[in-house]
Structures are given as C-alpha cells and as structure tokens.
Amino acid sequence: QVQLVESGGGLVQPGGSLRLSCAASGFGFRHYVMSWYRQAPGKERELVAAIGSGNPWKNNGGDVKGRFSISRDNDKNLLYLQMNSLKPEDSGVYYCSVFQESRRYWGQGTQVTVSS
C-alpha cells in the first residue's frame, strides 16, 4: 500500500532554513507527480510545491517562490523540500502527497514552526 513518511520539521528562527524529506513506498514513485502541502492552524491545507515525474517542471507558486525548492530522488524514492528565508507565516504542518487511482494519499505530516 502507499506509504508516505515525512521528516525534517522543527523549530527554526525567522530567516532560517529547513529541509524536509518524504520517504515513499508502495507505488511506482518515479512515475508520479509528487507534491508538498501545508496547513496552518485554522486554515485550509494549501499546495506549496509540486514536481513532475521526470523532473521536467516544478511549481513553487505563491509566496514561497524563490524561497522554497522541491526536488526528488527517483532512485531512492525520496521527495525533498528545501525551505530558505523562512517566515513565521510558513509555520504549519507540512504534508507529502501523491494522487493515484482516483484518490489523494497523504503522509502523517511534519511540524514546522518559525519563531524567534
């Protein structure tokens, strides 16, 4: 079955950096678009970034553009999110996700807190 396990979250000061990882298993990782979402308290879950199956495109839209970078290692079934110049409003739970066979799968999430 599909399993997604995030890691790398924590407490960081504004302006700092974190690198999130997502270990994927149970499906053909290299063939699927992978995404990072985040959810802040009291807010809806939102897309942060997505990456195509063959690394031909990336989507780091919105206010993370230029600060966050998504990447993947298809040989190791790993998804990454490099987050730089972090702001307090980046705080929340970050989820790795894949959509396959008509449903979206989620990991358990990793907490990111940006605070001084």
C-alpha atoms as a PDB file:
ATOM      1  CA  GLN A   1       0.000   0.000   0.000  1.00  0.00           C
ATOM      2  CA  VAL A   2       1.011   3.623  -0.475  1.00  0.00           C
ATOM      3  CA  GLN A   3       3.089   4.968   2.366  1.00  0.00           C
ATOM      4  CA  LEU A   4       4.462   8.474   2.709  1.00  0.00           C
ATOM      5  CA  VAL A   5       6.628   9.372   5.687  1.00  0.00           C
ATOM      6  CA  GLU A   6       7.741  12.959   6.201  1.00  0.00           C
ATOM      7  CA  SER A   7      10.649  14.110   8.333  1.00  0.00           C
ATOM      8  CA  GLY A   8      12.846  17.129   8.899  1.00  0.00           C
ATOM      9  CA  GLY A   9      10.473  19.564  10.535  1.00  0.00           C
ATOM     10  CA  GLY A  10      11.251  21.517  13.670  1.00  0.00           C
ATOM     11  CA  LEU A  11      11.622  24.897  15.265  1.00  0.00           C
ATOM     12  CA  VAL A  12      13.633  27.495  13.363  1.00  0.00           C
ATOM     13  CA  GLN A  13      14.153  31.220  13.681  1.00  0.00           C
ATOM     14  CA  PRO A  14      12.884  33.627  11.020  1.00  0.00           C
ATOM     15  CA  GLY A  15      15.323  33.737   8.127  1.00  0.00           C
ATOM     16  CA  GLY A  16      16.479  30.201   8.815  1.00  0.00           C
ATOM     17  CA  SER A  17      16.325  27.086   6.675  1.00  0.00           C
ATOM     18  CA  LEU A  18      14.940  23.576   6.887  1.00  0.00           C
ATOM     19  CA  ARG A  19      14.991  20.619   4.552  1.00  0.00           C
ATOM     20  CA  LEU A  20      12.003  18.318   4.619  1.00  0.00           C
ATOM     21  CA  SER A  21      12.129  14.760   3.319  1.00  0.00           C
ATOM     22  CA  CYS A  22       9.417  12.329   2.336  1.00  0.00           C
ATOM     23  CA  ALA A  23      10.099   8.617   2.010  1.00  0.00           C
ATOM     24  CA  ALA A  24       7.655   6.978  -0.384  1.00  0.00           C
ATOM     25  CA  SER A  25       6.835   3.311  -0.814  1.00  0.00           C
ATOM     26  CA  GLY A  26       4.146   1.025  -2.149  1.00  0.00           C
ATOM     27  CA  PHE A  27       3.849   2.564  -5.613  1.00  0.00           C
ATOM     28  CA  GLY A  28       5.913   3.464  -8.652  1.00  0.00           C
ATOM     29  CA  PHE A  29       7.317   6.668  -7.228  1.00  0.00           C
ATOM     30  CA  ARG A  30       9.242   7.752 -10.304  1.00  0.00           C
ATOM     31  CA  HIS A  31       6.113   7.793 -12.455  1.00  0.00           C
ATOM     32  CA  TYR A  32       4.002  10.150 -10.360  1.00  0.00           C
ATOM     33  CA  VAL A  33       3.726  13.844  -9.714  1.00  0.00           C
ATOM     34  CA  MET A  34       4.620  14.497  -6.083  1.00  0.00           C
ATOM     35  CA  SER A  35       3.507  17.441  -4.011  1.00  0.00           C
ATOM     36  CA  TRP A  36       4.085  19.240  -0.747  1.00  0.00           C
ATOM     37  CA  TYR A  37       1.142  20.803   1.041  1.00  0.00           C
ATOM     38  CA  ARG A  38       0.971  22.703   4.290  1.00  0.00           C
ATOM     39  CA  GLN A  39      -1.739  23.524   6.790  1.00  0.00           C
ATOM     40  CA  ALA A  40      -1.582  26.302   9.337  1.00  0.00           C
ATOM     41  CA  PRO A  41      -3.849  26.295  12.402  1.00  0.00           C
ATOM     42  CA  GLY A  42      -7.336  27.401  11.440  1.00  0.00           C
ATOM     43  CA  LYS A  43      -6.549  27.451   7.747  1.00  0.00           C
ATOM     44  CA  GLU A  44      -7.170  25.129   4.843  1.00  0.00           C
ATOM     45  CA  ARG A  45      -4.483  22.863   3.526  1.00  0.00           C
ATOM     46  CA  GLU A  46      -2.693  24.517   0.607  1.00  0.00           C
ATOM     47  CA  LEU A  47      -0.365  23.414  -2.129  1.00  0.00           C
ATOM     48  CA  VAL A  48       3.214  24.543  -1.596  1.00  0.00           C
ATOM     49  CA  ALA A  49       5.043  22.916  -4.486  1.00  0.00           C
ATOM     50  CA  ALA A  50       4.784  20.067  -6.971  1.00  0.00           C
ATOM     51  CA  ILE A  51       7.248  18.252  -9.156  1.00  0.00           C
ATOM     52  CA  GLY A  52       6.718  16.222 -12.277  1.00  0.00           C
ATOM     53  CA  SER A  53       7.583  12.581 -12.595  1.00  0.00           C
ATOM     54  CA  GLY A  54      10.683  13.172 -14.653  1.00  0.00           C
ATOM     55  CA  ASN A  55      11.821  16.452 -13.086  1.00  0.00           C
ATOM     56  CA  PRO A  56      10.871  18.441 -16.194  1.00  0.00           C
ATOM     57  CA  TRP A  57       8.864  21.005 -14.284  1.00  0.00           C
ATOM     58  CA  LYS A  58       8.352  22.370 -10.835  1.00  0.00           C
ATOM     59  CA  ASN A  59       5.687  24.531  -9.340  1.00  0.00           C
ATOM     60  CA  ASN A  60       6.731  26.721  -6.435  1.00  0.00           C
ATOM     61  CA  GLY A  61       3.970  29.229  -6.604  1.00  0.00           C
ATOM     62  CA  GLY A  62       2.684  31.939  -4.416  1.00  0.00           C
ATOM     63  CA  ASP A  63       4.660  33.410  -1.596  1.00  0.00           C
ATOM     64  CA  VAL A  64       7.203  30.574  -1.486  1.00  0.00           C
ATOM     65  CA  LYS A  65       8.564  31.313  -4.931  1.00  0.00           C
ATOM     66  CA  GLY A  66      12.274  31.979  -4.749  1.00  0.00           C
ATOM     67  CA  ARG A  67      12.495  30.672  -1.189  1.00  0.00           C
ATOM     68  CA  PHE A  68      11.378  27.035  -1.404  1.00  0.00           C
ATOM     69  CA  SER A  69      12.660  24.412  -3.799  1.00  0.00           C
ATOM     70  CA  ILE A  70      11.200  20.972  -4.428  1.00  0.00           C
ATOM     71  CA  SER A  71      13.293  18.081  -5.683  1.00  0.00           C
ATOM     72  CA  ARG A  72      13.213  14.312  -5.869  1.00  0.00           C
ATOM     73  CA  ASP A  73      15.500  11.286  -5.991  1.00  0.00           C
ATOM     74  CA  ASN A  74      13.753   8.662  -8.076  1.00  0.00           C
ATOM     75  CA  ASP A  75      16.379   6.028  -7.280  1.00  0.00           C
ATOM     76  CA  LYS A  76      15.786   6.369  -3.533  1.00  0.00           C
ATOM     77  CA  ASN A  77      12.042   7.138  -3.655  1.00  0.00           C
ATOM     78  CA  LEU A  78      12.611  10.379  -1.793  1.00  0.00           C
ATOM     79  CA  LEU A  79      10.943  13.765  -2.125  1.00  0.00           C
ATOM     80  CA  TYR A  80      12.507  16.912  -0.675  1.00  0.00           C
ATOM     81  CA  LEU A  81      11.512  20.443   0.139  1.00  0.00           C
ATOM     82  CA  GLN A  82      14.330  22.896   0.763  1.00  0.00           C
ATOM     83  CA  MET A  83      12.968  25.903   2.617  1.00  0.00           C
ATOM     84  CA  ASN A  84      15.071  29.047   2.920  1.00  0.00           C
ATOM     85  CA  SER A  85      14.400  32.517   4.318  1.00  0.00           C
ATOM     86  CA  LEU A  86      11.635  31.106   6.457  1.00  0.00           C
ATOM     87  CA  LYS A  87       8.959  33.425   7.804  1.00  0.00           C
ATOM     88  CA  PRO A  88       6.581  32.976  10.744  1.00  0.00           C
ATOM     89  CA  GLU A  89       3.721  32.599   8.284  1.00  0.00           C
ATOM     90  CA  ASP A  90       5.406  29.491   6.889  1.00  0.00           C
ATOM     91  CA  SER A  91       4.602  27.698  10.138  1.00  0.00           C
ATOM     92  CA  GLY A  92       2.300  24.719   9.943  1.00  0.00           C
ATOM     93  CA  VAL A  93       2.169  21.019   9.288  1.00  0.00           C
ATOM     94  CA  TYR A  94       3.769  20.017   6.004  1.00  0.00           C
ATOM     95  CA  TYR A  95       2.443  17.012   4.129  1.00  0.00           C
ATOM     96  CA  CYS A  96       3.820  14.945   1.310  1.00  0.00           C
ATOM     97  CA  SER A  97       1.170  13.816  -1.156  1.00  0.00           C
ATOM     98  CA  VAL A  98       0.558  11.770  -4.271  1.00  0.00           C
ATOM     99  CA  PHE A  99      -2.583  11.366  -6.365  1.00  0.00           C
ATOM    100  CA  GLN A 100      -3.099   7.989  -7.881  1.00  0.00           C
ATOM    101  CA  GLU A 101      -6.007   5.769  -8.864  1.00  0.00           C
ATOM    102  CA  SER A 102      -8.582   8.452  -8.197  1.00  0.00           C
ATOM    103  CA  ARG A 103      -7.525   9.320  -4.663  1.00  0.00           C
ATOM    104  CA  ARG A 104      -5.017  11.503  -2.952  1.00  0.00           C
ATOM    105  CA  TYR A 105      -2.693   9.973  -0.404  1.00  0.00           C
ATOM    106  CA  TRP A 106      -1.113  11.873   2.479  1.00  0.00           C
ATOM    107  CA  GLY A 107       1.682  11.317   4.909  1.00  0.00           C
ATOM    108  CA  GLN A 108       1.289  11.965   8.618  1.00  0.00           C
ATOM    109  CA  GLY A 109       2.857  15.400   8.288  1.00  0.00           C
ATOM    110  CA  THR A 110       5.819  17.115   9.898  1.00  0.00           C
ATOM    111  CA  GLN A 111       5.513  20.260  12.009  1.00  0.00           C
ATOM    112  CA  VAL A 112       7.402  23.384  11.007  1.00  0.00           C
ATOM    113  CA  THR A 113       7.468  26.274  13.456  1.00  0.00           C
ATOM    114  CA  VAL A 114       9.149  29.536  12.541  1.00  0.00           C
ATOM    115  CA  SER A 115       9.539  31.701  15.599  1.00  0.00           C
ATOM    116  CA  SER A 116      12.092  33.767  17.444  1.00  0.00           C
END
